[in-house]
Amino acid sequence: MAFGFGSGLFAQTDVPAGAPITLLEMPLRYQDWPERRSAHVMLELDPVRAVLSVFSEKGGQNVIVRHPGGDGGNAWALEFREWLVALGVPSHFITLEPGSGGADHLLILVEATLTAFDSSA
């Protein structure tokens, strides 16, 4: 069962014990990445607004940014992480992973561990 948030996935259920629960899964396409970036422009991006709406430091949550391989994909993910930090997400809650599934997008996830998810309810 999942509830929608734009084109992203929100609130996954029926997961195995100990597996993280995906609270949000949303792509950020390269074509949507603004050439000129500012806080105002970044806050207009659906994936950024979604992360800021869903993420909670107290919920045992982690933001995962899966990026295309290579230097370009890594640089894009690093800059995206810097923007999340500038907008209030502590860097130690953000993990960068290669493997977005395509050269033209980042895959943004917010996950929570089941125990952390249950204890915050």
PDB file of N, CA and C in Angstrom:
ATOM      1  N   MET A   1       0.843  -1.176   0.000  1.00  0.00           N
ATOM      2  CA  MET A   1       0.000   0.000   0.000  1.00  0.00           C
ATOM      3  C   MET A   1       0.886   1.236   0.000  1.00  0.00           C
ATOM      4  N   ALA A   2       0.539   2.225  -0.803  1.00  0.00           N
ATOM      5  CA  ALA A   2       1.320   3.455  -0.866  1.00  0.00           C
ATOM      6  C   ALA A   2       0.379   4.630  -1.075  1.00  0.00           C
ATOM      7  N   PHE A   3       0.793   5.768  -0.592  1.00  0.00           N
ATOM      8  CA  PHE A   3       0.042   6.994  -0.751  1.00  0.00           C
ATOM      9  C   PHE A   3       0.871   7.937  -1.598  1.00  0.00           C
ATOM     10  N   GLY A   4       0.252   8.637  -2.511  1.00  0.00           N
ATOM     11  CA  GLY A   4       1.001   9.465  -3.440  1.00  0.00           C
ATOM     12  C   GLY A   4       1.441  10.802  -2.882  1.00  0.00           C
ATOM     13  N   PHE A   5       2.549  11.282  -3.377  1.00  0.00           N
ATOM     14  CA  PHE A   5       3.030  12.646  -3.129  1.00  0.00           C
ATOM     15  C   PHE A   5       3.608  13.099  -4.444  1.00  0.00           C
ATOM     16  N   GLY A   6       2.828  13.781  -5.229  1.00  0.00           N
ATOM     17  CA  GLY A   6       3.262  14.146  -6.577  1.00  0.00           C
ATOM     18  C   GLY A   6       3.492  12.871  -7.362  1.00  0.00           C
ATOM     19  N   SER A   7       4.672  12.732  -7.937  1.00  0.00           N
ATOM     20  CA  SER A   7       4.999  11.514  -8.669  1.00  0.00           C
ATOM     21  C   SER A   7       5.844  10.585  -7.816  1.00  0.00           C
ATOM     22  N   GLY A   8       5.883  10.824  -6.503  1.00  0.00           N
ATOM     23  CA  GLY A   8       6.704  10.010  -5.611  1.00  0.00           C
ATOM     24  C   GLY A   8       5.870   9.060  -4.785  1.00  0.00           C
ATOM     25  N   LEU A   9       6.555   8.138  -4.161  1.00  0.00           N
ATOM     26  CA  LEU A   9       5.922   7.152  -3.301  1.00  0.00           C
ATOM     27  C   LEU A   9       5.987   7.645  -1.874  1.00  0.00           C
ATOM     28  N   PHE A  10       4.896   7.495  -1.132  1.00  0.00           N
ATOM     29  CA  PHE A  10       4.870   7.935   0.254  1.00  0.00           C
ATOM     30  C   PHE A  10       4.255   6.834   1.112  1.00  0.00           C
ATOM     31  N   ALA A  11       4.922   6.447   2.166  1.00  0.00           N
ATOM     32  CA  ALA A  11       4.437   5.510   3.181  1.00  0.00           C
ATOM     33  C   ALA A  11       4.263   4.081   2.657  1.00  0.00           C
ATOM     34  N   GLN A  12       5.321   3.354   2.642  1.00  0.00           N
ATOM     35  CA  GLN A  12       5.331   1.952   2.240  1.00  0.00           C
ATOM     36  C   GLN A  12       4.945   1.092   3.442  1.00  0.00           C
ATOM     37  N   THR A  13       4.145   0.061   3.224  1.00  0.00           N
ATOM     38  CA  THR A  13       3.783  -0.866   4.295  1.00  0.00           C
ATOM     39  C   THR A  13       4.143  -2.276   3.865  1.00  0.00           C
ATOM     40  N   ASP A  14       3.918  -3.246   4.747  1.00  0.00           N
ATOM     41  CA  ASP A  14       4.189  -4.658   4.468  1.00  0.00           C
ATOM     42  C   ASP A  14       5.648  -4.907   4.117  1.00  0.00           C
ATOM     43  N   VAL A  15       6.562  -4.402   4.929  1.00  0.00           N
ATOM     44  CA  VAL A  15       7.987  -4.632   4.712  1.00  0.00           C
ATOM     45  C   VAL A  15       8.477  -5.680   5.692  1.00  0.00           C
ATOM     46  N   PRO A  16       9.514  -6.428   5.335  1.00  0.00           N
ATOM     47  CA  PRO A  16      10.068  -7.425   6.244  1.00  0.00           C
ATOM     48  C   PRO A  16      10.629  -6.764   7.503  1.00  0.00           C
ATOM     49  N   ALA A  17      10.634  -7.508   8.595  1.00  0.00           N
ATOM     50  CA  ALA A  17      11.173  -6.999   9.858  1.00  0.00           C
ATOM     51  C   ALA A  17      12.620  -6.572   9.672  1.00  0.00           C
ATOM     52  N   GLY A  18      12.958  -5.404  10.176  1.00  0.00           N
ATOM     53  CA  GLY A  18      14.318  -4.887  10.092  1.00  0.00           C
ATOM     54  C   GLY A  18      14.632  -4.135   8.816  1.00  0.00           C
ATOM     55  N   ALA A  19      13.787  -4.254   7.815  1.00  0.00           N
ATOM     56  CA  ALA A  19      14.011  -3.534   6.555  1.00  0.00           C
ATOM     57  C   ALA A  19      13.550  -2.090   6.712  1.00  0.00           C
ATOM     58  N   PRO A  20      14.229  -1.168   6.041  1.00  0.00           N
ATOM     59  CA  PRO A  20      13.779   0.225   6.135  1.00  0.00           C
ATOM     60  C   PRO A  20      12.452   0.420   5.415  1.00  0.00           C
ATOM     61  N   ILE A  21      11.677   1.357   5.907  1.00  0.00           N
ATOM     62  CA  ILE A  21      10.413   1.723   5.280  1.00  0.00           C
ATOM     63  C   ILE A  21      10.681   2.927   4.384  1.00  0.00           C
ATOM     64  N   THR A  22      10.264   2.840   3.149  1.00  0.00           N
ATOM     65  CA  THR A  22      10.430   3.953   2.224  1.00  0.00           C
ATOM     66  C   THR A  22       9.270   4.916   2.414  1.00  0.00           C
ATOM     67  N   LEU A  23       9.589   6.107   2.902  1.00  0.00           N
ATOM     68  CA  LEU A  23       8.578   7.134   3.103  1.00  0.00           C
ATOM     69  C   LEU A  23       8.403   8.003   1.867  1.00  0.00           C
ATOM     70  N   LEU A  24       9.462   8.087   1.065  1.00  0.00           N
ATOM     71  CA  LEU A  24       9.417   8.899  -0.144  1.00  0.00           C
ATOM     72  C   LEU A  24      10.403   8.328  -1.147  1.00  0.00           C
ATOM     73  N   GLU A  25       9.993   8.253  -2.390  1.00  0.00           N
ATOM     74  CA  GLU A  25      10.877   7.863  -3.486  1.00  0.00           C
ATOM     75  C   GLU A  25      10.483   8.713  -4.683  1.00  0.00           C
ATOM     76  N   MET A  26      11.416   9.548  -5.120  1.00  0.00           N
ATOM     77  CA  MET A  26      11.077  10.521  -6.149  1.00  0.00           C
ATOM     78  C   MET A  26      12.291  10.826  -7.015  1.00  0.00           C
ATOM     79  N   PRO A  27      12.133  10.832  -8.331  1.00  0.00           N
ATOM     80  CA  PRO A  27      13.265  11.196  -9.196  1.00  0.00           C
ATOM     81  C   PRO A  27      13.404  12.710  -9.318  1.00  0.00           C
ATOM     82  N   LEU A  28      14.621  13.132  -9.568  1.00  0.00           N
ATOM     83  CA  LEU A  28      14.895  14.514  -9.961  1.00  0.00           C
ATOM     84  C   LEU A  28      15.608  14.423 -11.298  1.00  0.00           C
ATOM     85  N   ARG A  29      14.925  14.814 -12.349  1.00  0.00           N
ATOM     86  CA  ARG A  29      15.464  14.695 -13.697  1.00  0.00           C
ATOM     87  C   ARG A  29      16.425  15.846 -14.000  1.00  0.00           C
ATOM     88  N   TYR A  30      17.451  15.521 -14.776  1.00  0.00           N
ATOM     89  CA  TYR A  30      18.445  16.531 -15.123  1.00  0.00           C
ATOM     90  C   TYR A  30      17.803  17.708 -15.853  1.00  0.00           C
ATOM     91  N   GLN A  31      16.797  17.434 -16.677  1.00  0.00           N
ATOM     92  CA  GLN A  31      16.123  18.507 -17.415  1.00  0.00           C
ATOM     93  C   GLN A  31      15.408  19.478 -16.476  1.00  0.00           C
ATOM     94  N   ASP A  32      15.096  19.045 -15.253  1.00  0.00           N
ATOM     95  CA  ASP A  32      14.437  19.911 -14.274  1.00  0.00           C
ATOM     96  C   ASP A  32      15.424  20.629 -13.356  1.00  0.00           C
ATOM     97  N   TRP A  33      16.721  20.266 -13.452  1.00  0.00           N
ATOM     98  CA  TRP A  33      17.752  20.882 -12.613  1.00  0.00           C
ATOM     99  C   TRP A  33      18.027  22.286 -13.150  1.00  0.00           C
ATOM    100  N   PRO A  34      17.776  23.320 -12.353  1.00  0.00           N
ATOM    101  CA  PRO A  34      17.928  24.683 -12.864  1.00  0.00           C
ATOM    102  C   PRO A  34      19.382  25.061 -13.134  1.00  0.00           C
ATOM    103  N   GLU A  35      19.592  25.809 -14.210  1.00  0.00           N
ATOM    104  CA  GLU A  35      20.946  26.273 -14.530  1.00  0.00           C
ATOM    105  C   GLU A  35      21.432  27.277 -13.496  1.00  0.00           C
ATOM    106  N   ARG A  36      20.553  28.184 -13.093  1.00  0.00           N
ATOM    107  CA  ARG A  36      20.886  29.170 -12.062  1.00  0.00           C
ATOM    108  C   ARG A  36      20.144  28.755 -10.802  1.00  0.00           C
ATOM    109  N   ARG A  37      20.901  28.481  -9.752  1.00  0.00           N
ATOM    110  CA  ARG A  37      20.305  27.943  -8.539  1.00  0.00           C
ATOM    111  C   ARG A  37      20.384  28.951  -7.392  1.00  0.00           C
ATOM    112  N   SER A  38      19.288  29.051  -6.671  1.00  0.00           N
ATOM    113  CA  SER A  38      19.192  29.857  -5.462  1.00  0.00           C
ATOM    114  C   SER A  38      18.253  29.107  -4.523  1.00  0.00           C
ATOM    115  N   ALA A  39      18.182  29.528  -3.290  1.00  0.00           N
ATOM    116  CA  ALA A  39      17.281  28.861  -2.345  1.00  0.00           C
ATOM    117  C   ALA A  39      15.846  28.916  -2.860  1.00  0.00           C
ATOM    118  N   HIS A  40      15.443  30.061  -3.377  1.00  0.00           N
ATOM    119  CA  HIS A  40      14.083  30.208  -3.898  1.00  0.00           C
ATOM    120  C   HIS A  40      13.822  29.225  -5.042  1.00  0.00           C
ATOM    121  N   VAL A  41      14.750  29.128  -5.965  1.00  0.00           N
ATOM    122  CA  VAL A  41      14.599  28.229  -7.116  1.00  0.00           C
ATOM    123  C   VAL A  41      14.593  26.772  -6.657  1.00  0.00           C
ATOM    124  N   MET A  42      15.469  26.429  -5.729  1.00  0.00           N
ATOM    125  CA  MET A  42      15.531  25.041  -5.253  1.00  0.00           C
ATOM    126  C   MET A  42      14.239  24.639  -4.546  1.00  0.00           C
ATOM    127  N   LEU A  43      13.639  25.571  -3.814  1.00  0.00           N
ATOM    128  CA  LEU A  43      12.385  25.273  -3.114  1.00  0.00           C
ATOM    129  C   LEU A  43      11.210  25.097  -4.064  1.00  0.00           C
ATOM    130  N   GLU A  44      11.375  25.452  -5.324  1.00  0.00           N
ATOM    131  CA  GLU A  44      10.334  25.218  -6.322  1.00  0.00           C
ATOM    132  C   GLU A  44      10.382  23.802  -6.891  1.00  0.00           C
ATOM    133  N   LEU A  45      11.466  23.069  -6.640  1.00  0.00           N
ATOM    134  CA  LEU A  45      11.592  21.696  -7.142  1.00  0.00           C
ATOM    135  C   LEU A  45      10.762  20.747  -6.274  1.00  0.00           C
ATOM    136  N   ASP A  46       9.904  19.948  -6.912  1.00  0.00           N
ATOM    137  CA  ASP A  46       9.056  19.007  -6.175  1.00  0.00           C
ATOM    138  C   ASP A  46       9.844  18.074  -5.262  1.00  0.00           C
ATOM    139  N   PRO A  47      10.955  17.464  -5.730  1.00  0.00           N
ATOM    140  CA  PRO A  47      11.684  16.554  -4.842  1.00  0.00           C
ATOM    141  C   PRO A  47      12.246  17.250  -3.595  1.00  0.00           C
ATOM    142  N   VAL A  48      12.677  18.484  -3.730  1.00  0.00           N
ATOM    143  CA  VAL A  48      13.199  19.221  -2.571  1.00  0.00           C
ATOM    144  C   VAL A  48      12.070  19.494  -1.586  1.00  0.00           C
ATOM    145  N   ARG A  49      10.947  19.991  -2.077  1.00  0.00           N
ATOM    146  CA  ARG A  49       9.797  20.250  -1.193  1.00  0.00           C
ATOM    147  C   ARG A  49       9.319  18.969  -0.527  1.00  0.00           C
ATOM    148  N   ALA A  50       9.322  17.871  -1.276  1.00  0.00           N
ATOM    149  CA  ALA A  50       8.872  16.598  -0.717  1.00  0.00           C
ATOM    150  C   ALA A  50       9.790  16.136   0.409  1.00  0.00           C
ATOM    151  N   VAL A  51      11.100  16.207   0.201  1.00  0.00           N
ATOM    152  CA  VAL A  51      12.049  15.804   1.252  1.00  0.00           C
ATOM    153  C   VAL A  51      11.845  16.661   2.486  1.00  0.00           C
ATOM    154  N   LEU A  52      11.747  17.970   2.311  1.00  0.00           N
ATOM    155  CA  LEU A  52      11.586  18.864   3.455  1.00  0.00           C
ATOM    156  C   LEU A  52      10.258  18.642   4.172  1.00  0.00           C
ATOM    157  N   SER A  53       9.235  18.182   3.458  1.00  0.00           N
ATOM    158  CA  SER A  53       7.936  17.902   4.069  1.00  0.00           C
ATOM    159  C   SER A  53       7.918  16.591   4.839  1.00  0.00           C
ATOM    160  N   VAL A  54       8.639  15.595   4.340  1.00  0.00           N
ATOM    161  CA  VAL A  54       8.581  14.248   4.910  1.00  0.00           C
ATOM    162  C   VAL A  54       9.651  14.014   5.971  1.00  0.00           C
ATOM    163  N   PHE A  55      10.852  14.529   5.763  1.00  0.00           N
ATOM    164  CA  PHE A  55      11.991  14.213   6.623  1.00  0.00           C
ATOM    165  C   PHE A  55      11.827  14.771   8.035  1.00  0.00           C
ATOM    166  N   SER A  56      12.213  13.938   9.012  1.00  0.00           N
ATOM    167  CA  SER A  56      12.248  14.351  10.414  1.00  0.00           C
ATOM    168  C   SER A  56      13.492  13.772  11.065  1.00  0.00           C
ATOM    169  N   GLU A  57      14.249  14.611  11.749  1.00  0.00           N
ATOM    170  CA  GLU A  57      15.440  14.140  12.464  1.00  0.00           C
ATOM    171  C   GLU A  57      15.066  13.168  13.573  1.00  0.00           C
ATOM    172  N   LYS A  58      13.892  13.319  14.132  1.00  0.00           N
ATOM    173  CA  LYS A  58      13.478  12.504  15.275  1.00  0.00           C
ATOM    174  C   LYS A  58      12.869  11.173  14.861  1.00  0.00           C
ATOM    175  N   GLY A  59      12.661  10.952  13.592  1.00  0.00           N
ATOM    176  CA  GLY A  59      11.996   9.744  13.130  1.00  0.00           C
ATOM    177  C   GLY A  59      12.922   8.621  12.720  1.00  0.00           C
ATOM    178  N   GLY A  60      14.212   8.710  13.039  1.00  0.00           N
ATOM    179  CA  GLY A  60      15.146   7.670  12.621  1.00  0.00           C
ATOM    180  C   GLY A  60      15.242   7.574  11.110  1.00  0.00           C
ATOM    181  N   GLN A  61      15.138   8.706  10.455  1.00  0.00           N
ATOM    182  CA  GLN A  61      15.080   8.730   9.000  1.00  0.00           C
ATOM    183  C   GLN A  61      16.429   9.066   8.383  1.00  0.00           C
ATOM    184  N   ASN A  62      16.570   8.665   7.139  1.00  0.00           N
ATOM    185  CA  ASN A  62      17.773   8.924   6.363  1.00  0.00           C
ATOM    186  C   ASN A  62      17.337   9.324   4.959  1.00  0.00           C
ATOM    187  N   VAL A  63      17.984  10.342   4.419  1.00  0.00           N
ATOM    188  CA  VAL A  63      17.750  10.743   3.030  1.00  0.00           C
ATOM    189  C   VAL A  63      18.832  10.076   2.193  1.00  0.00           C
ATOM    190  N   ILE A  64      18.423   9.362   1.169  1.00  0.00           N
ATOM    191  CA  ILE A  64      19.361   8.684   0.279  1.00  0.00           C
ATOM    192  C   ILE A  64      19.251   9.333  -1.093  1.00  0.00           C
ATOM    193  N   VAL A  65      20.397   9.728  -1.619  1.00  0.00           N
ATOM    194  CA  VAL A  65      20.454  10.322  -2.956  1.00  0.00           C
ATOM    195  C   VAL A  65      21.227   9.347  -3.836  1.00  0.00           C
ATOM    196  N   ARG A  66      20.508   8.656  -4.715  1.00  0.00           N
ATOM    197  CA  ARG A  66      21.153   7.751  -5.672  1.00  0.00           C
ATOM    198  C   ARG A  66      21.418   8.540  -6.946  1.00  0.00           C
ATOM    199  N   HIS A  67      22.647   8.446  -7.417  1.00  0.00           N
ATOM    200  CA  HIS A  67      23.068   9.287  -8.534  1.00  0.00           C
ATOM    201  C   HIS A  67      23.654   8.458  -9.664  1.00  0.00           C
ATOM    202  N   PRO A  68      23.689   9.035 -10.885  1.00  0.00           N
ATOM    203  CA  PRO A  68      24.348   8.357 -12.001  1.00  0.00           C
ATOM    204  C   PRO A  68      25.832   8.184 -11.694  1.00  0.00           C
ATOM    205  N   GLY A  69      26.422   7.161 -12.267  1.00  0.00           N
ATOM    206  CA  GLY A  69      27.847   6.924 -12.064  1.00  0.00           C
ATOM    207  C   GLY A  69      28.698   7.992 -12.732  1.00  0.00           C
ATOM    208  N   GLY A  70      29.967   7.986 -12.391  1.00  0.00           N
ATOM    209  CA  GLY A  70      30.910   8.924 -12.993  1.00  0.00           C
ATOM    210  C   GLY A  70      31.029  10.209 -12.205  1.00  0.00           C
ATOM    211  N   ASP A  71      31.996  11.018 -12.634  1.00  0.00           N
ATOM    212  CA  ASP A  71      32.276  12.270 -11.941  1.00  0.00           C
ATOM    213  C   ASP A  71      31.108  13.249 -12.007  1.00  0.00           C
ATOM    214  N   GLY A  72      30.446  13.313 -13.153  1.00  0.00           N
ATOM    215  CA  GLY A  72      29.326  14.237 -13.304  1.00  0.00           C
ATOM    216  C   GLY A  72      28.171  13.904 -12.381  1.00  0.00           C
ATOM    217  N   GLY A  73      27.826  12.624 -12.309  1.00  0.00           N
ATOM    218  CA  GLY A  73      26.744  12.197 -11.423  1.00  0.00           C
ATOM    219  C   GLY A  73      27.084  12.427  -9.962  1.00  0.00           C
ATOM    220  N   ASN A  74      28.342  12.146  -9.603  1.00  0.00           N
ATOM    221  CA  ASN A  74      28.781  12.366  -8.227  1.00  0.00           C
ATOM    222  C   ASN A  74      28.750  13.855  -7.877  1.00  0.00           C
ATOM    223  N   ALA A  75      29.214  14.701  -8.788  1.00  0.00           N
ATOM    224  CA  ALA A  75      29.209  16.147  -8.544  1.00  0.00           C
ATOM    225  C   ALA A  75      27.782  16.672  -8.378  1.00  0.00           C
ATOM    226  N   TRP A  76      26.860  16.164  -9.194  1.00  0.00           N
ATOM    227  CA  TRP A  76      25.458  16.577  -9.100  1.00  0.00           C
ATOM    228  C   TRP A  76      24.888  16.185  -7.739  1.00  0.00           C
ATOM    229  N   ALA A  77      25.150  14.949  -7.307  1.00  0.00           N
ATOM    230  CA  ALA A  77      24.657  14.486  -6.006  1.00  0.00           C
ATOM    231  C   ALA A  77      25.257  15.298  -4.864  1.00  0.00           C
ATOM    232  N   LEU A  78      26.542  15.617  -4.960  1.00  0.00           N
ATOM    233  CA  LEU A  78      27.182  16.432  -3.919  1.00  0.00           C
ATOM    234  C   LEU A  78      26.530  17.810  -3.827  1.00  0.00           C
ATOM    235  N   GLU A  79      26.264  18.422  -4.970  1.00  0.00           N
ATOM    236  CA  GLU A  79      25.619  19.737  -4.941  1.00  0.00           C
ATOM    237  C   GLU A  79      24.199  19.640  -4.403  1.00  0.00           C
ATOM    238  N   PHE A  80      23.471  18.591  -4.797  1.00  0.00           N
ATOM    239  CA  PHE A  80      22.110  18.410  -4.281  1.00  0.00           C
ATOM    240  C   PHE A  80      22.147  18.272  -2.764  1.00  0.00           C
ATOM    241  N   ARG A  81      23.100  17.485  -2.251  1.00  0.00           N
ATOM    242  CA  ARG A  81      23.237  17.335  -0.795  1.00  0.00           C
ATOM    243  C   ARG A  81      23.531  18.686  -0.144  1.00  0.00           C
ATOM    244  N   GLU A  82      24.412  19.476  -0.745  1.00  0.00           N
ATOM    245  CA  GLU A  82      24.724  20.799  -0.191  1.00  0.00           C
ATOM    246  C   GLU A  82      23.479  21.675  -0.102  1.00  0.00           C
ATOM    247  N   TRP A  83      22.611  21.584  -1.100  1.00  0.00           N
ATOM    248  CA  TRP A  83      21.374  22.360  -1.056  1.00  0.00           C
ATOM    249  C   TRP A  83      20.452  21.859   0.044  1.00  0.00           C
ATOM    250  N   LEU A  84      20.334  20.543   0.213  1.00  0.00           N
ATOM    251  CA  LEU A  84      19.499  20.029   1.302  1.00  0.00           C
ATOM    252  C   LEU A  84      20.020  20.509   2.653  1.00  0.00           C
ATOM    253  N   VAL A  85      21.336  20.497   2.824  1.00  0.00           N
ATOM    254  CA  VAL A  85      21.937  20.977   4.073  1.00  0.00           C
ATOM    255  C   VAL A  85      21.635  22.466   4.256  1.00  0.00           C
ATOM    256  N   ALA A  86      21.792  23.243   3.202  1.00  0.00           N
ATOM    257  CA  ALA A  86      21.510  24.679   3.287  1.00  0.00           C
ATOM    258  C   ALA A  86      20.050  24.947   3.641  1.00  0.00           C
ATOM    259  N   LEU A  87      19.170  24.020   3.265  1.00  0.00           N
ATOM    260  CA  LEU A  87      17.740  24.180   3.538  1.00  0.00           C
ATOM    261  C   LEU A  87      17.310  23.513   4.839  1.00  0.00           C
ATOM    262  N   GLY A  88      18.275  22.972   5.608  1.00  0.00           N
ATOM    263  CA  GLY A  88      17.956  22.512   6.952  1.00  0.00           C
ATOM    264  C   GLY A  88      18.095  21.040   7.255  1.00  0.00           C
ATOM    265  N   VAL A  89      18.469  20.212   6.297  1.00  0.00           N
ATOM    266  CA  VAL A  89      18.648  18.783   6.561  1.00  0.00           C
ATOM    267  C   VAL A  89      20.102  18.563   6.984  1.00  0.00           C
ATOM    268  N   PRO A  90      20.345  18.068   8.207  1.00  0.00           N
ATOM    269  CA  PRO A  90      21.732  17.845   8.645  1.00  0.00           C
ATOM    270  C   PRO A  90      22.443  16.836   7.740  1.00  0.00           C
ATOM    271  N   SER A  91      23.696  17.125   7.413  1.00  0.00           N
ATOM    272  CA  SER A  91      24.430  16.305   6.444  1.00  0.00           C
ATOM    273  C   SER A  91      24.587  14.861   6.883  1.00  0.00           C
ATOM    274  N   HIS A  92      24.649  14.594   8.192  1.00  0.00           N
ATOM    275  CA  HIS A  92      24.848  13.210   8.626  1.00  0.00           C
ATOM    276  C   HIS A  92      23.602  12.344   8.429  1.00  0.00           C
ATOM    277  N   PHE A  93      22.494  12.938   8.008  1.00  0.00           N
ATOM    278  CA  PHE A  93      21.296  12.172   7.675  1.00  0.00           C
ATOM    279  C   PHE A  93      21.185  11.917   6.171  1.00  0.00           C
ATOM    280  N   ILE A  94      22.169  12.355   5.396  1.00  0.00           N
ATOM    281  CA  ILE A  94      22.118  12.235   3.936  1.00  0.00           C
ATOM    282  C   ILE A  94      23.209  11.286   3.467  1.00  0.00           C
ATOM    283  N   THR A  95      22.810  10.272   2.711  1.00  0.00           N
ATOM    284  CA  THR A  95      23.735   9.290   2.162  1.00  0.00           C
ATOM    285  C   THR A  95      23.696   9.374   0.643  1.00  0.00           C
ATOM    286  N   LEU A  96      24.870   9.424   0.032  1.00  0.00           N
ATOM    287  CA  LEU A  96      24.965   9.404  -1.428  1.00  0.00           C
ATOM    288  C   LEU A  96      25.330   7.998  -1.873  1.00  0.00           C
ATOM    289  N   GLU A  97      24.625   7.490  -2.874  1.00  0.00           N
ATOM    290  CA  GLU A  97      24.876   6.144  -3.399  1.00  0.00           C
ATOM    291  C   GLU A  97      24.875   6.190  -4.922  1.00  0.00           C
ATOM    292  N   PRO A  98      25.858   5.554  -5.565  1.00  0.00           N
ATOM    293  CA  PRO A  98      25.791   5.444  -7.023  1.00  0.00           C
ATOM    294  C   PRO A  98      24.675   4.477  -7.411  1.00  0.00           C
ATOM    295  N   GLY A  99      24.075   4.713  -8.559  1.00  0.00           N
ATOM    296  CA  GLY A  99      23.069   3.785  -9.060  1.00  0.00           C
ATOM    297  C   GLY A  99      21.659   4.326  -9.035  1.00  0.00           C
ATOM    298  N   SER A 100      21.413   5.422  -9.750  1.00  0.00           N
ATOM    299  CA  SER A 100      20.063   5.987  -9.799  1.00  0.00           C
ATOM    300  C   SER A 100      19.176   5.254 -10.797  1.00  0.00           C
ATOM    301  N   GLY A 101      19.787   4.439 -11.644  1.00  0.00           N
ATOM    302  CA  GLY A 101      19.016   3.727 -12.645  1.00  0.00           C
ATOM    303  C   GLY A 101      18.970   4.429 -13.988  1.00  0.00           C
ATOM    304  N   GLY A 102      19.652   5.542 -14.112  1.00  0.00           N
ATOM    305  CA  GLY A 102      19.689   6.262 -15.379  1.00  0.00           C
ATOM    306  C   GLY A 102      20.670   7.413 -15.306  1.00  0.00           C
ATOM    307  N   ALA A 103      21.184   7.814 -16.456  1.00  0.00           N
ATOM    308  CA  ALA A 103      22.176   8.891 -16.503  1.00  0.00           C
ATOM    309  C   ALA A 103      21.538  10.266 -16.396  1.00  0.00           C
ATOM    310  N   ASP A 104      20.205  10.324 -16.489  1.00  0.00           N
ATOM    311  CA  ASP A 104      19.531  11.619 -16.557  1.00  0.00           C
ATOM    312  C   ASP A 104      18.769  12.004 -15.298  1.00  0.00           C
ATOM    313  N   HIS A 105      18.971  11.275 -14.188  1.00  0.00           N
ATOM    314  CA  HIS A 105      18.220  11.636 -12.983  1.00  0.00           C
ATOM    315  C   HIS A 105      18.895  11.166 -11.699  1.00  0.00           C
ATOM    316  N   LEU A 106      18.554  11.876 -10.628  1.00  0.00           N
ATOM    317  CA  LEU A 106      18.850  11.423  -9.273  1.00  0.00           C
ATOM    318  C   LEU A 106      17.598  10.727  -8.774  1.00  0.00           C
ATOM    319  N   LEU A 107      17.767   9.766  -7.891  1.00  0.00           N
ATOM    320  CA  LEU A 107      16.629   9.141  -7.238  1.00  0.00           C
ATOM    321  C   LEU A 107      16.717   9.511  -5.767  1.00  0.00           C
ATOM    322  N   ILE A 108      15.720  10.210  -5.266  1.00  0.00           N
ATOM    323  CA  ILE A 108      15.714  10.731  -3.907  1.00  0.00           C
ATOM    324  C   ILE A 108      14.786   9.868  -3.062  1.00  0.00           C
ATOM    325  N   LEU A 109      15.316   9.347  -1.955  1.00  0.00           N
ATOM    326  CA  LEU A 109      14.522   8.525  -1.049  1.00  0.00           C
ATOM    327  C   LEU A 109      14.615   9.071   0.369  1.00  0.00           C
ATOM    328  N   VAL A 110      13.544   8.916   1.119  1.00  0.00           N
ATOM    329  CA  VAL A 110      13.567   9.116   2.563  1.00  0.00           C
ATOM    330  C   VAL A 110      13.131   7.785   3.144  1.00  0.00           C
ATOM    331  N   GLU A 111      14.000   7.207   3.974  1.00  0.00           N
ATOM    332  CA  GLU A 111      13.716   5.910   4.581  1.00  0.00           C
ATOM    333  C   GLU A 111      13.779   6.022   6.092  1.00  0.00           C
ATOM    334  N   ALA A 112      13.027   5.156   6.757  1.00  0.00           N
ATOM    335  CA  ALA A 112      13.051   5.065   8.218  1.00  0.00           C
ATOM    336  C   ALA A 112      13.151   3.599   8.592  1.00  0.00           C
ATOM    337  N   THR A 113      13.871   3.314   9.664  1.00  0.00           N
ATOM    338  CA  THR A 113      13.909   1.942  10.158  1.00  0.00           C
ATOM    339  C   THR A 113      12.599   1.650  10.866  1.00  0.00           C
ATOM    340  N   LEU A 114      12.180   0.411  10.838  1.00  0.00           N
ATOM    341  CA  LEU A 114      10.894   0.029  11.413  1.00  0.00           C
ATOM    342  C   LEU A 114      10.824   0.380  12.889  1.00  0.00           C
ATOM    343  N   THR A 115      11.899   0.112  13.640  1.00  0.00           N
ATOM    344  CA  THR A 115      11.880   0.418  15.071  1.00  0.00           C
ATOM    345  C   THR A 115      11.776   1.917  15.292  1.00  0.00           C
ATOM    346  N   ALA A 116      12.516   2.694  14.519  1.00  0.00           N
ATOM    347  CA  ALA A 116      12.438   4.153  14.661  1.00  0.00           C
ATOM    348  C   ALA A 116      11.069   4.649  14.223  1.00  0.00           C
ATOM    349  N   PHE A 117      10.522   4.043  13.175  1.00  0.00           N
ATOM    350  CA  PHE A 117       9.214   4.449  12.677  1.00  0.00           C
ATOM    351  C   PHE A 117       8.147   4.155  13.717  1.00  0.00           C
ATOM    352  N   ASP A 118       8.210   2.946  14.333  1.00  0.00           N
ATOM    353  CA  ASP A 118       7.226   2.563  15.338  1.00  0.00           C
ATOM    354  C   ASP A 118       7.319   3.431  16.582  1.00  0.00           C
ATOM    355  N   SER A 119       8.537   3.760  17.025  1.00  0.00           N
ATOM    356  CA  SER A 119       8.697   4.514  18.261  1.00  0.00           C
ATOM    357  C   SER A 119       8.244   5.958  18.121  1.00  0.00           C
ATOM    358  N   SER A 120       8.184   6.471  16.900  1.00  0.00           N
ATOM    359  CA  SER A 120       7.762   7.862  16.723  1.00  0.00           C
ATOM    360  C   SER A 120       6.252   7.973  16.544  1.00  0.00           C
ATOM    361  N   ALA A 121       5.584   6.846  16.431  1.00  0.00           N
ATOM    362  CA  ALA A 121       4.134   6.872  16.209  1.00  0.00           C
ATOM    363  C   ALA A 121       3.382   7.213  17.469  1.00  0.00           C
TER     364      ALA A 121
END
